[in-house]
C-alpha atoms as a PDB file:
ATOM      1  CA  UNK A   1      82.710 126.704  93.580  1.00  0.00           C
ATOM      2  CA  UNK A   2      85.298 124.224  93.829  1.00  0.00           C
ATOM      3  CA  UNK A   3      87.289 123.027  90.710  1.00  0.00           C
ATOM      4  CA  UNK A   4      86.686 119.330  89.464  1.00  0.00           C
ATOM      5  CA  UNK A   5      89.288 116.612  90.400  1.00  0.00           C
ATOM      6  CA  UNK A   6      90.834 113.917  87.989  1.00  0.00           C
ATOM      7  CA  UNK A   7      90.705 110.563  89.816  1.00  0.00           C
ATOM      8  CA  UNK A   8      92.231 107.461  88.481  1.00  0.00           C
ATOM      9  CA  UNK A   9      92.200 104.176  90.111  1.00  0.00           C
ATOM     10  CA  UNK A  10      93.600 100.765  88.750  1.00  0.00           C
ATOM     11  CA  UNK A  11      94.452  97.340  89.649  1.00  0.00           C
ATOM     12  CA  UNK A  12      98.111  96.988  89.645  1.00  0.00           C
ATOM     13  CA  UNK A  13      98.538  93.272  90.689  1.00  0.00           C
ATOM     14  CA  UNK A  14      96.370  90.431  91.193  1.00  0.00           C
ATOM     15  CA  UNK A  15      96.774  87.011  92.444  1.00  0.00           C
ATOM     16  CA  UNK A  16      94.549  84.326  93.832  1.00  0.00           C
ATOM     17  CA  UNK A  17      94.377  85.640  97.347  1.00  0.00           C
ATOM     18  CA  UNK A  18      95.425  89.316  96.935  1.00  0.00           C
ATOM     19  CA  UNK A  19      94.449  92.234  94.790  1.00  0.00           C
ATOM     20  CA  UNK A  20      96.380  95.644  94.802  1.00  0.00           C
ATOM     21  CA  UNK A  21      94.932  98.750  93.534  1.00  0.00           C
ATOM     22  CA  UNK A  22      96.524 102.473  93.056  1.00  0.00           C
ATOM     23  CA  UNK A  23      94.651 105.604  93.091  1.00  0.00           C
ATOM     24  CA  UNK A  24      95.876 109.274  92.033  1.00  0.00           C
ATOM     25  CA  UNK A  25      93.850 112.412  92.529  1.00  0.00           C
ATOM     26  CA  UNK A  26      94.810 115.396  90.640  1.00  0.00           C
ATOM     27  CA  UNK A  27      93.733 119.021  90.081  1.00  0.00           C
ATOM     28  CA  UNK A  28      92.074 119.940  86.668  1.00  0.00           C
ATOM     29  CA  UNK A  29      95.522 121.239  85.624  1.00  0.00           C
ATOM     30  CA  UNK A  30      97.343 117.903  86.617  1.00  0.00           C
ATOM     31  CA  UNK A  31      98.842 118.678  89.795  1.00  0.00           C
ATOM     32  CA  UNK A  32      99.215 115.541  91.898  1.00  0.00           C
ATOM     33  CA  UNK A  33      97.470 116.155  95.493  1.00  0.00           C
ATOM     34  CA  UNK A  34      97.036 112.621  96.749  1.00  0.00           C
ATOM     35  CA  UNK A  35      97.987 109.098  96.038  1.00  0.00           C
ATOM     36  CA  UNK A  36      97.065 105.925  97.616  1.00  0.00           C
ATOM     37  CA  UNK A  37      97.478 102.036  97.594  1.00  0.00           C
ATOM     38  CA  UNK A  38      95.368  99.362  98.902  1.00  0.00           C
ATOM     39  CA  UNK A  39      95.241  95.582  99.094  1.00  0.00           C
ATOM     40  CA  UNK A  40      92.455  93.320  99.520  1.00  0.00           C
ATOM     41  CA  UNK A  41      92.630  89.760 100.641  1.00  0.00           C
ATOM     42  CA  UNK A  42      90.349  87.537  98.354  1.00  0.00           C
ATOM     43  CA  UNK A  43      88.730  84.480 100.016  1.00  0.00           C
ATOM     44  CA  UNK A  44      87.631  81.507  97.980  1.00  0.00           C
ATOM     45  CA  UNK A  45      84.036  80.652  98.401  1.00  0.00           C
ATOM     46  CA  UNK A  46      82.510  77.267  97.851  1.00  0.00           C
ATOM     47  CA  UNK A  47      78.795  77.473  96.830  1.00  0.00           C
ATOM     48  CA  UNK A  48      76.671  74.831  98.483  1.00  0.00           C
ATOM     49  CA  UNK A  49      73.324  73.687  97.421  1.00  0.00           C
ATOM     50  CA  UNK A  50      70.556  73.232 100.006  1.00  0.00           C
END
């Protein structure tokens, strides 16, 4: 059976139009095995009534 992993993700920056997140994946004893960052463009939406 595989050992459990520790996964931590958090928002590291945020503005009106962009969000940046970071993620780390570690083994149960704390060894970093992967790290990633991602950015998402945020589009404003205007709600309209029908």
